[in-house]
């Protein structure tokens, strides 16, 4: 069995009396693309934020380990140094910085200047629109262009684990297709990915394994292709 990169056990998150996550167990192994699907409000983003330590004040229980080490007490900004990167829901680009400056921010833990420049050119090749607008302020980009930038910025740190939170949200069908093309390509390069996504069909088509989340609990898990053809998943999430 492949090495475990991320392991979440018995995760519970509560805001006052509201239980957003109710005992979640999930695992992502080296080289896998694992997707967490479910309806809006199921607790998917809360789960990712619990992993990265970016939740607002709340009660968190359970254990989270990354590369065999507990994450629960780690400060979120330390995670990038450990090559754990996240593309947040809503993209979170630095709006008053240029595209190039955003990419350099993604590489702030690195000191190999030549390698950084080579990676910037690499992602400009993958996303030609970013190269065309290299000096443009990120806040003036379209939603799709910002998503491209957010993904490229996260990849600048050469992550061991990449967390993607709703990368297709609010994008045109053509742009969604491009983003998923890149997700599949990044996965082929051996980067381990945990993908949270409302578009269940695209997510399962891209993934190796999947988890279904509903009302704060995991209700189903398995091989992504099997889940894609499961009548329960089709009825609930694929409109079939």
C-alpha atoms as a PDB file:
ATOM      1  CA  UNK A   1       0.000   0.000   0.000  1.00  0.00           C
ATOM      2  CA  UNK A   2       1.237   3.505  -0.836  1.00  0.00           C
ATOM      3  CA  UNK A   3       2.503   5.841   1.840  1.00  0.00           C
ATOM      4  CA  UNK A   4      -0.178   7.857   3.623  1.00  0.00           C
ATOM      5  CA  UNK A   5       0.253  11.589   2.929  1.00  0.00           C
ATOM      6  CA  UNK A   6      -2.830  12.834   4.790  1.00  0.00           C
ATOM      7  CA  UNK A   7      -4.935  11.030   7.384  1.00  0.00           C
ATOM      8  CA  UNK A   8      -7.981  12.529   9.084  1.00  0.00           C
ATOM      9  CA  UNK A   9      -9.559  10.549  11.934  1.00  0.00           C
ATOM     10  CA  UNK A  10     -12.728  11.364  13.870  1.00  0.00           C
ATOM     11  CA  UNK A  11     -12.757  15.016  12.790  1.00  0.00           C
ATOM     12  CA  UNK A  12     -15.509  17.062  14.443  1.00  0.00           C
ATOM     13  CA  UNK A  13     -16.014  20.811  14.024  1.00  0.00           C
ATOM     14  CA  UNK A  14     -18.646  22.775  15.941  1.00  0.00           C
ATOM     15  CA  UNK A  15     -19.524  26.472  15.912  1.00  0.00           C
ATOM     16  CA  UNK A  16     -21.313  26.922  19.222  1.00  0.00           C
ATOM     17  CA  UNK A  17     -24.188  24.452  19.081  1.00  0.00           C
ATOM     18  CA  UNK A  18     -23.902  23.922  15.320  1.00  0.00           C
ATOM     19  CA  UNK A  19     -22.057  20.743  14.354  1.00  0.00           C
ATOM     20  CA  UNK A  20     -20.613  21.359  10.891  1.00  0.00           C
ATOM     21  CA  UNK A  21     -18.469  18.204  10.718  1.00  0.00           C
ATOM     22  CA  UNK A  22     -19.488  15.104  12.647  1.00  0.00           C
ATOM     23  CA  UNK A  23     -16.698  12.554  12.856  1.00  0.00           C
ATOM     24  CA  UNK A  24     -15.029  12.463   9.436  1.00  0.00           C
ATOM     25  CA  UNK A  25     -12.386   9.863   8.524  1.00  0.00           C
ATOM     26  CA  UNK A  26     -10.476  10.154   5.256  1.00  0.00           C
ATOM     27  CA  UNK A  27      -7.067   9.326   3.858  1.00  0.00           C
ATOM     28  CA  UNK A  28      -5.027  10.442   0.862  1.00  0.00           C
ATOM     29  CA  UNK A  29      -2.096   8.261  -0.190  1.00  0.00           C
ATOM     30  CA  UNK A  30       0.987   9.249  -2.127  1.00  0.00           C
ATOM     31  CA  UNK A  31       0.322  10.030  -5.787  1.00  0.00           C
ATOM     32  CA  UNK A  32      -3.464   9.819  -5.479  1.00  0.00           C
ATOM     33  CA  UNK A  33      -6.057  12.294  -6.670  1.00  0.00           C
ATOM     34  CA  UNK A  34      -8.848  11.976  -4.109  1.00  0.00           C
ATOM     35  CA  UNK A  35     -12.069  13.956  -4.363  1.00  0.00           C
ATOM     36  CA  UNK A  36     -14.522  14.964  -1.650  1.00  0.00           C
ATOM     37  CA  UNK A  37     -17.921  15.660  -3.199  1.00  0.00           C
ATOM     38  CA  UNK A  38     -21.249  16.723  -1.762  1.00  0.00           C
ATOM     39  CA  UNK A  39     -23.920  19.396  -1.861  1.00  0.00           C
ATOM     40  CA  UNK A  40     -23.319  22.977  -0.789  1.00  0.00           C
ATOM     41  CA  UNK A  41     -23.204  23.151   3.024  1.00  0.00           C
ATOM     42  CA  UNK A  42     -22.186  19.504   3.459  1.00  0.00           C
ATOM     43  CA  UNK A  43     -19.047  20.482   5.415  1.00  0.00           C
ATOM     44  CA  UNK A  44     -16.443  20.017   2.664  1.00  0.00           C
ATOM     45  CA  UNK A  45     -14.776  23.424   2.945  1.00  0.00           C
ATOM     46  CA  UNK A  46     -14.879  23.267   6.760  1.00  0.00           C
ATOM     47  CA  UNK A  47     -12.993  19.966   6.533  1.00  0.00           C
ATOM     48  CA  UNK A  48     -10.282  21.529   4.347  1.00  0.00           C
ATOM     49  CA  UNK A  49      -9.987  24.540   6.640  1.00  0.00           C
ATOM     50  CA  UNK A  50      -9.638  22.243   9.629  1.00  0.00           C
ATOM     51  CA  UNK A  51      -6.762  20.482   7.858  1.00  0.00           C
ATOM     52  CA  UNK A  52      -4.997  23.800   7.145  1.00  0.00           C
ATOM     53  CA  UNK A  53      -5.785  25.439  10.496  1.00  0.00           C
ATOM     54  CA  UNK A  54      -7.624  28.339   8.864  1.00  0.00           C
ATOM     55  CA  UNK A  55     -10.998  27.996  10.606  1.00  0.00           C
ATOM     56  CA  UNK A  56     -12.488  30.884  12.598  1.00  0.00           C
ATOM     57  CA  UNK A  57     -12.975  30.344  16.342  1.00  0.00           C
ATOM     58  CA  UNK A  58     -14.688  26.981  16.836  1.00  0.00           C
ATOM     59  CA  UNK A  59     -14.279  23.630  18.578  1.00  0.00           C
ATOM     60  CA  UNK A  60     -12.226  21.060  16.661  1.00  0.00           C
ATOM     61  CA  UNK A  61     -11.810  17.447  17.758  1.00  0.00           C
ATOM     62  CA  UNK A  62     -10.086  14.451  16.192  1.00  0.00           C
ATOM     63  CA  UNK A  63      -6.656  13.944  14.669  1.00  0.00           C
ATOM     64  CA  UNK A  64      -5.097  15.177  11.422  1.00  0.00           C
ATOM     65  CA  UNK A  65      -1.693  13.892  10.313  1.00  0.00           C
ATOM     66  CA  UNK A  66       0.425  14.900   7.317  1.00  0.00           C
ATOM     67  CA  UNK A  67       3.403  12.731   6.356  1.00  0.00           C
ATOM     68  CA  UNK A  68       2.908  10.890   9.627  1.00  0.00           C
ATOM     69  CA  UNK A  69       3.150  14.027  11.790  1.00  0.00           C
ATOM     70  CA  UNK A  70       0.220  15.656  13.643  1.00  0.00           C
ATOM     71  CA  UNK A  71      -1.044  18.886  12.084  1.00  0.00           C
ATOM     72  CA  UNK A  72      -3.513  19.913  14.786  1.00  0.00           C
ATOM     73  CA  UNK A  73      -1.183  22.346  16.558  1.00  0.00           C
ATOM     74  CA  UNK A  74       0.676  23.629  13.472  1.00  0.00           C
ATOM     75  CA  UNK A  75       0.350  27.289  12.487  1.00  0.00           C
ATOM     76  CA  UNK A  76      -1.152  27.486   9.006  1.00  0.00           C
ATOM     77  CA  UNK A  77       1.675  29.545   7.489  1.00  0.00           C
ATOM     78  CA  UNK A  78       4.165  26.834   8.505  1.00  0.00           C
ATOM     79  CA  UNK A  79       2.415  24.308   6.271  1.00  0.00           C
ATOM     80  CA  UNK A  80       3.757  25.825   3.042  1.00  0.00           C
ATOM     81  CA  UNK A  81       7.297  25.194   4.328  1.00  0.00           C
ATOM     82  CA  UNK A  82       6.243  21.545   4.630  1.00  0.00           C
ATOM     83  CA  UNK A  83       5.010  21.624   1.025  1.00  0.00           C
ATOM     84  CA  UNK A  84       1.305  21.547   1.821  1.00  0.00           C
ATOM     85  CA  UNK A  85      -0.482  24.130  -0.346  1.00  0.00           C
ATOM     86  CA  UNK A  86      -4.132  25.074  -0.736  1.00  0.00           C
ATOM     87  CA  UNK A  87      -6.073  26.881  -3.456  1.00  0.00           C
ATOM     88  CA  UNK A  88      -8.963  28.311  -1.432  1.00  0.00           C
ATOM     89  CA  UNK A  89     -12.569  28.695  -2.470  1.00  0.00           C
ATOM     90  CA  UNK A  90     -12.868  32.157  -4.013  1.00  0.00           C
ATOM     91  CA  UNK A  91      -9.243  31.941  -5.227  1.00  0.00           C
ATOM     92  CA  UNK A  92      -7.706  34.408  -2.742  1.00  0.00           C
ATOM     93  CA  UNK A  93      -5.258  36.081  -5.124  1.00  0.00           C
ATOM     94  CA  UNK A  94      -3.372  39.183  -3.989  1.00  0.00           C
ATOM     95  CA  UNK A  95      -5.500  41.660  -5.918  1.00  0.00           C
ATOM     96  CA  UNK A  96      -3.090  44.618  -5.709  1.00  0.00           C
ATOM     97  CA  UNK A  97      -0.105  42.621  -6.861  1.00  0.00           C
ATOM     98  CA  UNK A  98       0.749  41.731 -10.441  1.00  0.00           C
ATOM     99  CA  UNK A  99       0.471  38.203 -11.785  1.00  0.00           C
ATOM    100  CA  UNK A 100       4.231  37.796 -11.571  1.00  0.00           C
ATOM    101  CA  UNK A 101       4.311  39.083  -7.988  1.00  0.00           C
ATOM    102  CA  UNK A 102       1.574  36.591  -7.027  1.00  0.00           C
ATOM    103  CA  UNK A 103       3.651  33.757  -8.467  1.00  0.00           C
ATOM    104  CA  UNK A 104       6.728  34.939  -6.578  1.00  0.00           C
ATOM    105  CA  UNK A 105       4.657  34.924  -3.370  1.00  0.00           C
ATOM    106  CA  UNK A 106       3.904  31.259  -4.039  1.00  0.00           C
ATOM    107  CA  UNK A 107       7.653  30.602  -4.023  1.00  0.00           C
ATOM    108  CA  UNK A 108       8.475  32.623  -0.910  1.00  0.00           C
ATOM    109  CA  UNK A 109       9.864  29.569   0.928  1.00  0.00           C
ATOM    110  CA  UNK A 110      12.334  28.858  -1.899  1.00  0.00           C
ATOM    111  CA  UNK A 111      15.816  30.294  -2.454  1.00  0.00           C
ATOM    112  CA  UNK A 112      16.658  28.771  -5.869  1.00  0.00           C
ATOM    113  CA  UNK A 113      16.187  31.870  -8.015  1.00  0.00           C
ATOM    114  CA  UNK A 114      16.911  30.125 -11.322  1.00  0.00           C
ATOM    115  CA  UNK A 115      14.431  27.381 -10.471  1.00  0.00           C
ATOM    116  CA  UNK A 116      11.782  29.936  -9.508  1.00  0.00           C
ATOM    117  CA  UNK A 117      12.164  31.734 -12.841  1.00  0.00           C
ATOM    118  CA  UNK A 118      11.987  28.410 -14.685  1.00  0.00           C
ATOM    119  CA  UNK A 119       8.764  27.521 -12.861  1.00  0.00           C
ATOM    120  CA  UNK A 120       7.214  30.904 -13.660  1.00  0.00           C
ATOM    121  CA  UNK A 121       7.915  30.259 -17.342  1.00  0.00           C
ATOM    122  CA  UNK A 122       6.542  26.718 -16.989  1.00  0.00           C
ATOM    123  CA  UNK A 123       3.205  27.951 -15.654  1.00  0.00           C
ATOM    124  CA  UNK A 124       3.104  30.733 -18.236  1.00  0.00           C
ATOM    125  CA  UNK A 125       3.321  27.965 -20.839  1.00  0.00           C
ATOM    126  CA  UNK A 126       0.446  26.069 -19.218  1.00  0.00           C
ATOM    127  CA  UNK A 127      -1.600  29.271 -18.790  1.00  0.00           C
ATOM    128  CA  UNK A 128      -0.657  31.563 -21.728  1.00  0.00           C
ATOM    129  CA  UNK A 129      -3.206  34.166 -20.595  1.00  0.00           C
ATOM    130  CA  UNK A 130      -1.127  34.768 -17.475  1.00  0.00           C
ATOM    131  CA  UNK A 131       1.994  35.432 -19.528  1.00  0.00           C
ATOM    132  CA  UNK A 132       0.128  37.930 -21.714  1.00  0.00           C
ATOM    133  CA  UNK A 133      -0.955  39.793 -18.569  1.00  0.00           C
ATOM    134  CA  UNK A 134       2.172  39.259 -16.453  1.00  0.00           C
ATOM    135  CA  UNK A 135       2.374  42.860 -15.213  1.00  0.00           C
ATOM    136  CA  UNK A 136      -1.400  43.266 -14.769  1.00  0.00           C
ATOM    137  CA  UNK A 137      -2.898  43.579 -11.283  1.00  0.00           C
ATOM    138  CA  UNK A 138      -4.464  40.270 -10.267  1.00  0.00           C
ATOM    139  CA  UNK A 139      -7.653  42.018  -9.108  1.00  0.00           C
ATOM    140  CA  UNK A 140      -8.423  43.060 -12.700  1.00  0.00           C
ATOM    141  CA  UNK A 141      -8.441  39.475 -14.014  1.00  0.00           C
ATOM    142  CA  UNK A 142     -11.557  37.469 -14.802  1.00  0.00           C
ATOM    143  CA  UNK A 143     -12.657  34.734 -12.406  1.00  0.00           C
ATOM    144  CA  UNK A 144     -11.163  32.041 -14.630  1.00  0.00           C
ATOM    145  CA  UNK A 145      -7.856  33.861 -14.959  1.00  0.00           C
ATOM    146  CA  UNK A 146      -7.713  34.322 -11.176  1.00  0.00           C
ATOM    147  CA  UNK A 147      -8.314  30.588 -10.734  1.00  0.00           C
ATOM    148  CA  UNK A 148      -5.437  29.840 -13.113  1.00  0.00           C
ATOM    149  CA  UNK A 149      -3.229  32.221 -11.129  1.00  0.00           C
ATOM    150  CA  UNK A 150      -4.237  30.751  -7.761  1.00  0.00           C
ATOM    151  CA  UNK A 151      -3.394  27.238  -8.982  1.00  0.00           C
ATOM    152  CA  UNK A 152      -0.067  28.298 -10.494  1.00  0.00           C
ATOM    153  CA  UNK A 153       0.831  30.217  -7.324  1.00  0.00           C
ATOM    154  CA  UNK A 154       0.154  27.156  -5.128  1.00  0.00           C
ATOM    155  CA  UNK A 155       2.235  24.956  -7.415  1.00  0.00           C
ATOM    156  CA  UNK A 156       5.227  27.310  -7.174  1.00  0.00           C
ATOM    157  CA  UNK A 157       6.168  25.768  -3.800  1.00  0.00           C
ATOM    158  CA  UNK A 158       6.403  22.271  -5.363  1.00  0.00           C
ATOM    159  CA  UNK A 159       3.745  20.874  -3.017  1.00  0.00           C
ATOM    160  CA  UNK A 160       3.770  17.311  -1.765  1.00  0.00           C
ATOM    161  CA  UNK A 161       0.020  17.730  -1.169  1.00  0.00           C
ATOM    162  CA  UNK A 162      -2.216  20.171  -3.036  1.00  0.00           C
ATOM    163  CA  UNK A 163      -5.655  20.982  -1.619  1.00  0.00           C
ATOM    164  CA  UNK A 164      -8.160  22.398  -4.104  1.00  0.00           C
ATOM    165  CA  UNK A 165     -11.395  23.929  -2.810  1.00  0.00           C
ATOM    166  CA  UNK A 166     -14.150  24.258  -5.438  1.00  0.00           C
ATOM    167  CA  UNK A 167     -11.855  25.175  -8.360  1.00  0.00           C
ATOM    168  CA  UNK A 168     -14.738  25.206 -10.875  1.00  0.00           C
ATOM    169  CA  UNK A 169     -17.045  27.491  -8.876  1.00  0.00           C
ATOM    170  CA  UNK A 170     -18.422  30.416 -10.887  1.00  0.00           C
ATOM    171  CA  UNK A 171     -16.450  29.629 -14.040  1.00  0.00           C
ATOM    172  CA  UNK A 172     -17.629  29.251 -17.636  1.00  0.00           C
ATOM    173  CA  UNK A 173     -17.836  25.695 -19.033  1.00  0.00           C
ATOM    174  CA  UNK A 174     -14.769  26.281 -21.246  1.00  0.00           C
ATOM    175  CA  UNK A 175     -12.743  27.551 -18.295  1.00  0.00           C
ATOM    176  CA  UNK A 176     -13.889  24.619 -16.101  1.00  0.00           C
ATOM    177  CA  UNK A 177     -12.657  22.249 -18.801  1.00  0.00           C
ATOM    178  CA  UNK A 178      -9.252  23.964 -18.841  1.00  0.00           C
ATOM    179  CA  UNK A 179      -8.924  23.910 -15.034  1.00  0.00           C
ATOM    180  CA  UNK A 180      -9.711  20.180 -14.883  1.00  0.00           C
ATOM    181  CA  UNK A 181      -7.282  19.524 -17.723  1.00  0.00           C
ATOM    182  CA  UNK A 182      -4.558  21.127 -15.575  1.00  0.00           C
ATOM    183  CA  UNK A 183      -5.675  19.219 -12.443  1.00  0.00           C
ATOM    184  CA  UNK A 184      -5.319  15.932 -14.332  1.00  0.00           C
ATOM    185  CA  UNK A 185      -1.916  16.986 -15.708  1.00  0.00           C
ATOM    186  CA  UNK A 186      -0.640  17.997 -12.249  1.00  0.00           C
ATOM    187  CA  UNK A 187      -1.802  14.635 -10.886  1.00  0.00           C
ATOM    188  CA  UNK A 188       0.093  12.822 -13.666  1.00  0.00           C
ATOM    189  CA  UNK A 189       3.247  14.641 -12.537  1.00  0.00           C
ATOM    190  CA  UNK A 190       2.946  12.768  -9.224  1.00  0.00           C
ATOM    191  CA  UNK A 191       1.593  15.575  -7.042  1.00  0.00           C
ATOM    192  CA  UNK A 192      -0.885  14.225  -4.486  1.00  0.00           C
ATOM    193  CA  UNK A 193      -4.218  16.089  -4.608  1.00  0.00           C
ATOM    194  CA  UNK A 194      -7.289  16.369  -2.399  1.00  0.00           C
ATOM    195  CA  UNK A 195     -10.029  17.981  -4.477  1.00  0.00           C
ATOM    196  CA  UNK A 196     -13.218  19.393  -2.953  1.00  0.00           C
ATOM    197  CA  UNK A 197     -15.743  19.946  -5.715  1.00  0.00           C
ATOM    198  CA  UNK A 198     -19.473  20.395  -6.281  1.00  0.00           C
ATOM    199  CA  UNK A 199     -19.213  19.227  -9.893  1.00  0.00           C
ATOM    200  CA  UNK A 200     -19.321  15.555  -8.931  1.00  0.00           C
ATOM    201  CA  UNK A 201     -19.097  14.194 -12.470  1.00  0.00           C
ATOM    202  CA  UNK A 202     -15.908  16.034 -13.435  1.00  0.00           C
ATOM    203  CA  UNK A 203     -14.366  15.384 -10.033  1.00  0.00           C
ATOM    204  CA  UNK A 204     -14.992  11.633 -10.150  1.00  0.00           C
ATOM    205  CA  UNK A 205     -13.841  11.417 -13.771  1.00  0.00           C
ATOM    206  CA  UNK A 206     -10.510  12.953 -12.744  1.00  0.00           C
ATOM    207  CA  UNK A 207     -10.039  11.173  -9.400  1.00  0.00           C
ATOM    208  CA  UNK A 208      -8.685   7.802  -8.311  1.00  0.00           C
ATOM    209  CA  UNK A 209     -10.917   7.586  -5.233  1.00  0.00           C
ATOM    210  CA  UNK A 210     -13.844   9.553  -3.881  1.00  0.00           C
ATOM    211  CA  UNK A 211     -15.673  10.388  -0.673  1.00  0.00           C
ATOM    212  CA  UNK A 212     -19.265  11.614  -0.519  1.00  0.00           C
ATOM    213  CA  UNK A 213     -20.064  14.051   2.283  1.00  0.00           C
ATOM    214  CA  UNK A 214     -23.570  14.868   3.448  1.00  0.00           C
ATOM    215  CA  UNK A 215     -24.571  16.958   6.467  1.00  0.00           C
ATOM    216  CA  UNK A 216     -21.125  16.768   8.033  1.00  0.00           C
ATOM    217  CA  UNK A 217     -20.562  13.022   7.652  1.00  0.00           C
ATOM    218  CA  UNK A 218     -18.958  10.733   5.062  1.00  0.00           C
ATOM    219  CA  UNK A 219     -21.781   8.647   3.592  1.00  0.00           C
ATOM    220  CA  UNK A 220     -19.884   6.767   0.892  1.00  0.00           C
ATOM    221  CA  UNK A 221     -16.326   6.098  -0.255  1.00  0.00           C
ATOM    222  CA  UNK A 222     -14.710   4.002  -2.947  1.00  0.00           C
ATOM    223  CA  UNK A 223     -13.072   3.818  -6.347  1.00  0.00           C
ATOM    224  CA  UNK A 224     -13.984   6.967  -8.284  1.00  0.00           C
ATOM    225  CA  UNK A 225     -15.037   5.147 -11.453  1.00  0.00           C
ATOM    226  CA  UNK A 226     -17.283   2.788  -9.474  1.00  0.00           C
ATOM    227  CA  UNK A 227     -18.864   5.762  -7.713  1.00  0.00           C
ATOM    228  CA  UNK A 228     -19.405   7.523 -11.039  1.00  0.00           C
ATOM    229  CA  UNK A 229     -21.620   4.619 -12.096  1.00  0.00           C
ATOM    230  CA  UNK A 230     -23.285   4.062  -8.711  1.00  0.00           C
ATOM    231  CA  UNK A 231     -27.053   4.709  -9.015  1.00  0.00           C
ATOM    232  CA  UNK A 232     -27.126   6.448  -5.597  1.00  0.00           C
ATOM    233  CA  UNK A 233     -24.398   8.915  -6.610  1.00  0.00           C
ATOM    234  CA  UNK A 234     -26.009   9.403 -10.012  1.00  0.00           C
ATOM    235  CA  UNK A 235     -29.388  10.163  -8.468  1.00  0.00           C
ATOM    236  CA  UNK A 236     -28.054  12.509  -5.791  1.00  0.00           C
ATOM    237  CA  UNK A 237     -25.240  14.350  -7.562  1.00  0.00           C
ATOM    238  CA  UNK A 238     -25.190  13.667 -11.294  1.00  0.00           C
ATOM    239  CA  UNK A 239     -28.810  14.388 -12.183  1.00  0.00           C
ATOM    240  CA  UNK A 240     -29.259  10.938 -13.705  1.00  0.00           C
END
